[in-house]
Amino acid sequence: MTSMFERALGADFARLHPMLQRRFGVGLDAGYACVGTGTMSRIRRGPWWTVPFLQFGRLRNILVPDHGSDVPFRIENFPYRDALGRETVTFVREYAIHGRSRRFDATMIYSERLGRIVDYLGTHQHLAVDLELRVEPDGSLLLRSDAQRFYEGIVGFRFPMLFSGRAELRERFDDHAGVFRVDLEVRNRFFGFLFGYDGTFTCEFPAAHDAPARLKPVRTELRE
């Protein structure tokens, strides 16, 4: 079975830089994880009035309310099969900012029904976000978030974008420096820039057929 990113991109997956193919080739059949460590040159946030929004997200490890430069960074992508039998990959990011550890948790599945990757955000998978993927001419990956749905118990509704943001992430491999470069911005249609970071990291690819418990969400959401 191919990785979920290869399924989502189809033939375009082969146009990714070989190191990005390896990074986004993580899956149960592949039998390995991807652990990246590096430095975020900048972690930025929007104006003062965006802070309550970011602080609310922090409660469930969604977004980061702090800002800083030269911030140590770690991302862990481990494959596992969730309680519903779905192949899942963790995208858990951790930052050490001003002596505090911050996490931005996400877990991804490939939805057969939607024909795309769904990104569950936070410790309880409260937000399900559709992802749009595109391979750029230079072999980099462009990822954009699309529709978002909020789930809690029996409650489920399409999350109004007035109260959320759309993310745009670009990731490429720098052959000269031998590092991955990442640039993320989250913007709200009405209020503008909310959160972003850019930096570099290197990766290791340890053998893995499951994810450590500390990386898995507290709750598994059935709805996509």
C-alpha atoms as a PDB file:
ATOM      1  CA  MET A   1       0.000   0.000   0.000  1.00  0.00           C
ATOM      2  CA  THR A   2       1.310   3.474  -0.834  1.00  0.00           C
ATOM      3  CA  SER A   3       1.541   6.255   1.733  1.00  0.00           C
ATOM      4  CA  MET A   4      -1.447   8.531   2.231  1.00  0.00           C
ATOM      5  CA  PHE A   5       0.412  11.421   0.599  1.00  0.00           C
ATOM      6  CA  GLU A   6       1.145   9.310  -2.463  1.00  0.00           C
ATOM      7  CA  ARG A   7      -2.510   8.315  -2.638  1.00  0.00           C
ATOM      8  CA  ALA A   8      -3.614  11.940  -2.342  1.00  0.00           C
ATOM      9  CA  LEU A   9      -1.118  13.247  -4.922  1.00  0.00           C
ATOM     10  CA  GLY A  10      -1.289  10.332  -7.335  1.00  0.00           C
ATOM     11  CA  ALA A  11       1.292  10.451 -10.127  1.00  0.00           C
ATOM     12  CA  ASP A  12       2.435  13.901  -8.965  1.00  0.00           C
ATOM     13  CA  PHE A  13       4.043  12.303  -5.902  1.00  0.00           C
ATOM     14  CA  ALA A  14       6.938  11.239  -8.160  1.00  0.00           C
ATOM     15  CA  ARG A  15       7.608  14.912  -8.935  1.00  0.00           C
ATOM     16  CA  LEU A  16       8.432  15.668  -5.299  1.00  0.00           C
ATOM     17  CA  HIS A  17      12.100  16.017  -4.411  1.00  0.00           C
ATOM     18  CA  PRO A  18      13.379  12.525  -3.447  1.00  0.00           C
ATOM     19  CA  MET A  19      13.900  13.621   0.151  1.00  0.00           C
ATOM     20  CA  LEU A  20      10.319  14.869   0.330  1.00  0.00           C
ATOM     21  CA  GLN A  21       9.155  11.574  -1.135  1.00  0.00           C
ATOM     22  CA  ARG A  22      10.926   9.841   1.721  1.00  0.00           C
ATOM     23  CA  ARG A  23       9.594  12.260   4.321  1.00  0.00           C
ATOM     24  CA  PHE A  24       5.989  11.977   3.134  1.00  0.00           C
ATOM     25  CA  GLY A  25       6.295   8.271   2.400  1.00  0.00           C
ATOM     26  CA  VAL A  26       5.749   7.428   6.088  1.00  0.00           C
ATOM     27  CA  GLY A  27       3.168   4.664   6.504  1.00  0.00           C
ATOM     28  CA  LEU A  28       2.521   1.274   8.052  1.00  0.00           C
ATOM     29  CA  ASP A  29       3.677  -0.647   4.984  1.00  0.00           C
ATOM     30  CA  ALA A  30       6.764   1.507   4.630  1.00  0.00           C
ATOM     31  CA  GLY A  31       7.657   0.573   8.211  1.00  0.00           C
ATOM     32  CA  TYR A  32       9.378   3.768   9.254  1.00  0.00           C
ATOM     33  CA  ALA A  33       8.729   7.112  10.939  1.00  0.00           C
ATOM     34  CA  CYS A  34      10.155  10.571  10.275  1.00  0.00           C
ATOM     35  CA  VAL A  35      11.561  12.581  13.191  1.00  0.00           C
ATOM     36  CA  GLY A  36      12.716  16.098  12.381  1.00  0.00           C
ATOM     37  CA  THR A  37      14.730  18.411  14.626  1.00  0.00           C
ATOM     38  CA  GLY A  38      15.869  21.906  13.867  1.00  0.00           C
ATOM     39  CA  THR A  39      15.251  25.586  14.478  1.00  0.00           C
ATOM     40  CA  MET A  40      12.430  27.902  13.607  1.00  0.00           C
ATOM     41  CA  SER A  41      14.045  31.167  12.555  1.00  0.00           C
ATOM     42  CA  ARG A  42      10.836  33.001  13.469  1.00  0.00           C
ATOM     43  CA  ILE A  43       7.575  32.125  15.138  1.00  0.00           C
ATOM     44  CA  ARG A  44       5.151  34.977  14.615  1.00  0.00           C
ATOM     45  CA  ARG A  45       1.646  35.832  15.705  1.00  0.00           C
ATOM     46  CA  GLY A  46      -0.842  38.475  14.642  1.00  0.00           C
ATOM     47  CA  PRO A  47      -1.815  41.691  16.473  1.00  0.00           C
ATOM     48  CA  TRP A  48      -2.716  41.717  20.159  1.00  0.00           C
ATOM     49  CA  TRP A  49      -6.360  40.915  19.506  1.00  0.00           C
ATOM     50  CA  THR A  50      -5.416  37.540  18.006  1.00  0.00           C
ATOM     51  CA  VAL A  51      -3.882  36.370  21.308  1.00  0.00           C
ATOM     52  CA  PRO A  52      -7.191  35.197  22.918  1.00  0.00           C
ATOM     53  CA  PHE A  53      -7.888  33.120  19.801  1.00  0.00           C
ATOM     54  CA  LEU A  54      -4.424  31.542  19.970  1.00  0.00           C
ATOM     55  CA  GLN A  55      -4.641  30.991  23.729  1.00  0.00           C
ATOM     56  CA  PHE A  56      -7.949  29.166  23.256  1.00  0.00           C
ATOM     57  CA  GLY A  57      -6.301  26.908  20.679  1.00  0.00           C
ATOM     58  CA  ARG A  58      -3.402  26.246  23.047  1.00  0.00           C
ATOM     59  CA  LEU A  59      -5.721  24.465  25.501  1.00  0.00           C
ATOM     60  CA  ARG A  60      -5.966  21.510  23.102  1.00  0.00           C
ATOM     61  CA  ASN A  61      -2.557  21.872  21.434  1.00  0.00           C
ATOM     62  CA  ILE A  62      -3.887  23.760  18.413  1.00  0.00           C
ATOM     63  CA  LEU A  63      -1.703  26.704  17.343  1.00  0.00           C
ATOM     64  CA  VAL A  64       0.890  28.457  19.496  1.00  0.00           C
ATOM     65  CA  PRO A  65       0.242  31.794  21.294  1.00  0.00           C
ATOM     66  CA  ASP A  66       3.928  32.736  21.689  1.00  0.00           C
ATOM     67  CA  HIS A  67       6.433  34.341  19.352  1.00  0.00           C
ATOM     68  CA  GLY A  68      10.205  34.219  19.187  1.00  0.00           C
ATOM     69  CA  SER A  69      13.287  33.673  17.077  1.00  0.00           C
ATOM     70  CA  ASP A  70      15.785  30.809  16.811  1.00  0.00           C
ATOM     71  CA  VAL A  71      13.300  28.471  18.511  1.00  0.00           C
ATOM     72  CA  PRO A  72      14.272  24.776  18.911  1.00  0.00           C
ATOM     73  CA  PHE A  73      11.760  22.648  17.033  1.00  0.00           C
ATOM     74  CA  ARG A  74      10.833  18.980  16.720  1.00  0.00           C
ATOM     75  CA  ILE A  75       8.274  17.218  14.539  1.00  0.00           C
ATOM     76  CA  GLU A  76       7.342  13.543  14.883  1.00  0.00           C
ATOM     77  CA  ASN A  77       5.555  11.650  12.115  1.00  0.00           C
ATOM     78  CA  PHE A  78       4.743   8.097  13.232  1.00  0.00           C
ATOM     79  CA  PRO A  79       2.331   5.706  11.505  1.00  0.00           C
ATOM     80  CA  TYR A  80      -0.202   3.721  13.509  1.00  0.00           C
ATOM     81  CA  ARG A  81      -3.636   2.136  13.189  1.00  0.00           C
ATOM     82  CA  ASP A  82      -6.216   3.988  15.241  1.00  0.00           C
ATOM     83  CA  ALA A  83      -9.063   2.517  17.294  1.00  0.00           C
ATOM     84  CA  LEU A  84     -11.291   2.577  14.198  1.00  0.00           C
ATOM     85  CA  GLY A  85      -8.801   0.602  12.114  1.00  0.00           C
ATOM     86  CA  ARG A  86      -7.682   3.577  10.000  1.00  0.00           C
ATOM     87  CA  GLU A  87      -4.057   4.081   9.049  1.00  0.00           C
ATOM     88  CA  THR A  88      -3.021   7.312  10.752  1.00  0.00           C
ATOM     89  CA  VAL A  89       0.144   9.411  10.801  1.00  0.00           C
ATOM     90  CA  THR A  90       1.027  11.786  13.630  1.00  0.00           C
ATOM     91  CA  PHE A  91       2.162  15.329  12.894  1.00  0.00           C
ATOM     92  CA  VAL A  92       3.135  16.464  16.386  1.00  0.00           C
ATOM     93  CA  ARG A  93       5.220  19.633  16.505  1.00  0.00           C
ATOM     94  CA  GLU A  94       6.956  20.806  19.668  1.00  0.00           C
ATOM     95  CA  TYR A  95       8.603  24.165  20.300  1.00  0.00           C
ATOM     96  CA  ALA A  96      10.753  25.400  23.192  1.00  0.00           C
ATOM     97  CA  ILE A  97       9.862  29.095  23.522  1.00  0.00           C
ATOM     98  CA  HIS A  98      11.101  31.292  26.374  1.00  0.00           C
ATOM     99  CA  GLY A  99      11.591  28.264  28.602  1.00  0.00           C
ATOM    100  CA  ARG A 100       8.125  26.853  27.845  1.00  0.00           C
ATOM    101  CA  SER A 101       7.310  23.773  25.810  1.00  0.00           C
ATOM    102  CA  ARG A 102       4.459  24.231  23.334  1.00  0.00           C
ATOM    103  CA  ARG A 103       2.837  21.531  21.186  1.00  0.00           C
ATOM    104  CA  PHE A 104       0.794  21.660  18.022  1.00  0.00           C
ATOM    105  CA  ASP A 105      -0.848  18.245  17.624  1.00  0.00           C
ATOM    106  CA  ALA A 106      -2.310  16.801  14.448  1.00  0.00           C
ATOM    107  CA  THR A 107      -3.122  13.332  13.125  1.00  0.00           C
ATOM    108  CA  MET A 108      -3.855  12.606   9.485  1.00  0.00           C
ATOM    109  CA  ILE A 109      -5.874   9.946   7.689  1.00  0.00           C
ATOM    110  CA  TYR A 110      -6.718   9.361   4.036  1.00  0.00           C
ATOM    111  CA  SER A 111     -10.487   9.560   3.537  1.00  0.00           C
ATOM    112  CA  GLU A 112     -11.774   7.176   0.877  1.00  0.00           C
ATOM    113  CA  ARG A 113     -15.100   8.997   0.929  1.00  0.00           C
ATOM    114  CA  LEU A 114     -13.589  12.419   0.283  1.00  0.00           C
ATOM    115  CA  GLY A 115     -10.643  11.233  -1.779  1.00  0.00           C
ATOM    116  CA  ARG A 116      -8.228  13.403   0.184  1.00  0.00           C
ATOM    117  CA  ILE A 117      -6.287  13.679   3.430  1.00  0.00           C
ATOM    118  CA  VAL A 118      -8.182  14.819   6.515  1.00  0.00           C
ATOM    119  CA  ASP A 119      -6.111  16.484   9.228  1.00  0.00           C
ATOM    120  CA  TYR A 120      -7.489  16.150  12.774  1.00  0.00           C
ATOM    121  CA  LEU A 121      -6.203  18.978  14.958  1.00  0.00           C
ATOM    122  CA  GLY A 122      -5.613  18.954  18.687  1.00  0.00           C
ATOM    123  CA  THR A 123      -5.466  16.433  21.484  1.00  0.00           C
ATOM    124  CA  HIS A 124      -9.134  15.444  21.078  1.00  0.00           C
ATOM    125  CA  GLN A 125      -9.472  15.622  17.276  1.00  0.00           C
ATOM    126  CA  HIS A 126     -12.052  18.382  17.650  1.00  0.00           C
ATOM    127  CA  LEU A 127     -11.309  19.914  14.245  1.00  0.00           C
ATOM    128  CA  ALA A 128     -11.280  17.895  11.016  1.00  0.00           C
ATOM    129  CA  VAL A 129      -9.636  19.864   8.211  1.00  0.00           C
ATOM    130  CA  ASP A 130      -9.588  18.945   4.517  1.00  0.00           C
ATOM    131  CA  LEU A 131      -6.168  19.354   2.901  1.00  0.00           C
ATOM    132  CA  GLU A 132      -5.345  20.433  -0.625  1.00  0.00           C
ATOM    133  CA  LEU A 133      -1.910  19.318  -1.851  1.00  0.00           C
ATOM    134  CA  ARG A 134       0.124  20.449  -4.842  1.00  0.00           C
ATOM    135  CA  VAL A 135       3.628  19.668  -6.068  1.00  0.00           C
ATOM    136  CA  GLU A 136       5.440  22.803  -7.209  1.00  0.00           C
ATOM    137  CA  PRO A 137       7.784  22.934 -10.255  1.00  0.00           C
ATOM    138  CA  ASP A 138      10.857  22.902  -7.985  1.00  0.00           C
ATOM    139  CA  GLY A 139       9.754  19.633  -6.310  1.00  0.00           C
ATOM    140  CA  SER A 140       8.480  21.310  -3.147  1.00  0.00           C
ATOM    141  CA  LEU A 141       5.115  20.595  -1.536  1.00  0.00           C
ATOM    142  CA  LEU A 142       2.392  23.207  -1.146  1.00  0.00           C
ATOM    143  CA  LEU A 143      -0.312  22.351   1.392  1.00  0.00           C
ATOM    144  CA  ARG A 144      -3.443  24.433   1.922  1.00  0.00           C
ATOM    145  CA  SER A 145      -6.201  23.835   4.444  1.00  0.00           C
ATOM    146  CA  ASP A 146      -9.782  23.882   3.210  1.00  0.00           C
ATOM    147  CA  ALA A 147     -13.131  23.173   4.899  1.00  0.00           C
ATOM    148  CA  GLN A 148     -13.122  22.619   8.664  1.00  0.00           C
ATOM    149  CA  ARG A 149     -15.605  20.672  10.777  1.00  0.00           C
ATOM    150  CA  PHE A 150     -15.967  20.751  14.575  1.00  0.00           C
ATOM    151  CA  TYR A 151     -16.861  17.555  16.439  1.00  0.00           C
ATOM    152  CA  GLU A 152     -17.582  17.047  20.134  1.00  0.00           C
ATOM    153  CA  GLY A 153     -19.772  14.211  21.388  1.00  0.00           C
ATOM    154  CA  ILE A 154     -22.975  14.158  19.318  1.00  0.00           C
ATOM    155  CA  VAL A 155     -22.351  17.710  18.148  1.00  0.00           C
ATOM    156  CA  GLY A 156     -20.931  18.219  14.679  1.00  0.00           C
ATOM    157  CA  PHE A 157     -21.003  21.245  12.388  1.00  0.00           C
ATOM    158  CA  ARG A 158     -19.018  22.990   9.693  1.00  0.00           C
ATOM    159  CA  PHE A 159     -16.762  25.418  11.535  1.00  0.00           C
ATOM    160  CA  PRO A 160     -17.363  29.036  10.437  1.00  0.00           C
ATOM    161  CA  MET A 161     -14.192  30.453   8.903  1.00  0.00           C
ATOM    162  CA  LEU A 162     -14.941  33.814  10.546  1.00  0.00           C
ATOM    163  CA  PHE A 163     -13.620  32.246  13.752  1.00  0.00           C
ATOM    164  CA  SER A 164     -10.775  30.253  12.259  1.00  0.00           C
ATOM    165  CA  GLY A 165      -7.931  30.512   9.781  1.00  0.00           C
ATOM    166  CA  ARG A 166      -6.692  28.904   6.604  1.00  0.00           C
ATOM    167  CA  ALA A 167      -3.170  27.547   6.630  1.00  0.00           C
ATOM    168  CA  GLU A 168      -0.698  27.580   3.772  1.00  0.00           C
ATOM    169  CA  LEU A 169       2.447  25.511   4.237  1.00  0.00           C
ATOM    170  CA  ARG A 170       5.381  25.182   1.858  1.00  0.00           C
ATOM    171  CA  GLU A 171       8.060  22.572   2.422  1.00  0.00           C
ATOM    172  CA  ARG A 172      11.134  21.952   0.292  1.00  0.00           C
ATOM    173  CA  PHE A 173      14.536  20.314   0.528  1.00  0.00           C
ATOM    174  CA  ASP A 174      17.630  22.504   0.220  1.00  0.00           C
ATOM    175  CA  ASP A 175      20.256  20.364  -1.516  1.00  0.00           C
ATOM    176  CA  HIS A 176      23.053  22.848  -0.860  1.00  0.00           C
ATOM    177  CA  ALA A 177      22.461  23.059   2.904  1.00  0.00           C
ATOM    178  CA  GLY A 178      21.162  19.494   3.272  1.00  0.00           C
ATOM    179  CA  VAL A 179      18.085  20.591   5.253  1.00  0.00           C
ATOM    180  CA  PHE A 180      14.321  20.733   4.921  1.00  0.00           C
ATOM    181  CA  ARG A 181      12.907  24.261   4.781  1.00  0.00           C
ATOM    182  CA  VAL A 182       9.371  24.990   5.953  1.00  0.00           C
ATOM    183  CA  ASP A 183       7.230  28.120   5.862  1.00  0.00           C
ATOM    184  CA  LEU A 184       3.727  28.256   7.369  1.00  0.00           C
ATOM    185  CA  GLU A 185       1.171  31.057   7.557  1.00  0.00           C
ATOM    186  CA  VAL A 186      -2.325  30.934   9.035  1.00  0.00           C
ATOM    187  CA  ARG A 187      -4.640  33.748   7.956  1.00  0.00           C
ATOM    188  CA  ASN A 188      -8.224  34.705   8.616  1.00  0.00           C
ATOM    189  CA  ARG A 189     -10.188  36.028   5.657  1.00  0.00           C
ATOM    190  CA  PHE A 190     -11.384  39.070   7.594  1.00  0.00           C
ATOM    191  CA  PHE A 191      -8.699  39.653  10.232  1.00  0.00           C
ATOM    192  CA  GLY A 192      -5.565  38.823   8.299  1.00  0.00           C
ATOM    193  CA  PHE A 193      -2.432  37.156   9.636  1.00  0.00           C
ATOM    194  CA  LEU A 194      -2.871  34.999  12.771  1.00  0.00           C
ATOM    195  CA  PHE A 195       0.170  32.767  13.144  1.00  0.00           C
ATOM    196  CA  GLY A 196       3.219  31.571  11.244  1.00  0.00           C
ATOM    197  CA  TYR A 197       6.711  30.201  11.336  1.00  0.00           C
ATOM    198  CA  ASP A 198       9.656  29.484   9.081  1.00  0.00           C
ATOM    199  CA  GLY A 199      12.796  27.482   9.672  1.00  0.00           C
ATOM    200  CA  THR A 200      14.924  24.470   8.854  1.00  0.00           C
ATOM    201  CA  PHE A 201      15.307  20.928  10.144  1.00  0.00           C
ATOM    202  CA  THR A 202      16.958  17.599   9.438  1.00  0.00           C
ATOM    203  CA  CYS A 203      15.284  14.209   9.649  1.00  0.00           C
ATOM    204  CA  GLU A 204      15.934  10.715  10.881  1.00  0.00           C
ATOM    205  CA  PHE A 205      13.848   7.766   9.703  1.00  0.00           C
ATOM    206  CA  PRO A 206      13.621   5.168  12.495  1.00  0.00           C
ATOM    207  CA  ALA A 207      11.823   1.861  11.958  1.00  0.00           C
ATOM    208  CA  ALA A 208       8.219   2.103  13.217  1.00  0.00           C
ATOM    209  CA  HIS A 209       4.916   0.265  12.935  1.00  0.00           C
ATOM    210  CA  ASP A 210       3.174   2.135  15.746  1.00  0.00           C
ATOM    211  CA  ALA A 211       3.285   5.547  17.417  1.00  0.00           C
ATOM    212  CA  PRO A 212       4.302   6.223  21.022  1.00  0.00           C
ATOM    213  CA  ALA A 213       1.281   6.773  23.258  1.00  0.00           C
ATOM    214  CA  ARG A 214       2.414  10.328  24.028  1.00  0.00           C
ATOM    215  CA  LEU A 215       1.862  11.279  20.364  1.00  0.00           C
ATOM    216  CA  LYS A 216      -1.619   9.813  19.986  1.00  0.00           C
ATOM    217  CA  PRO A 217      -4.766  11.863  20.556  1.00  0.00           C
ATOM    218  CA  VAL A 218      -6.802  11.440  23.724  1.00  0.00           C
ATOM    219  CA  ARG A 219      -9.960  10.816  21.693  1.00  0.00           C
ATOM    220  CA  THR A 220     -10.472   9.265  18.231  1.00  0.00           C
ATOM    221  CA  GLU A 221     -13.133  10.908  16.092  1.00  0.00           C
ATOM    222  CA  LEU A 222     -15.210   8.702  13.785  1.00  0.00           C
ATOM    223  CA  ARG A 223     -16.530  11.477  11.580  1.00  0.00           C
ATOM    224  CA  GLU A 224     -14.366  12.832   8.773  1.00  0.00           C
END
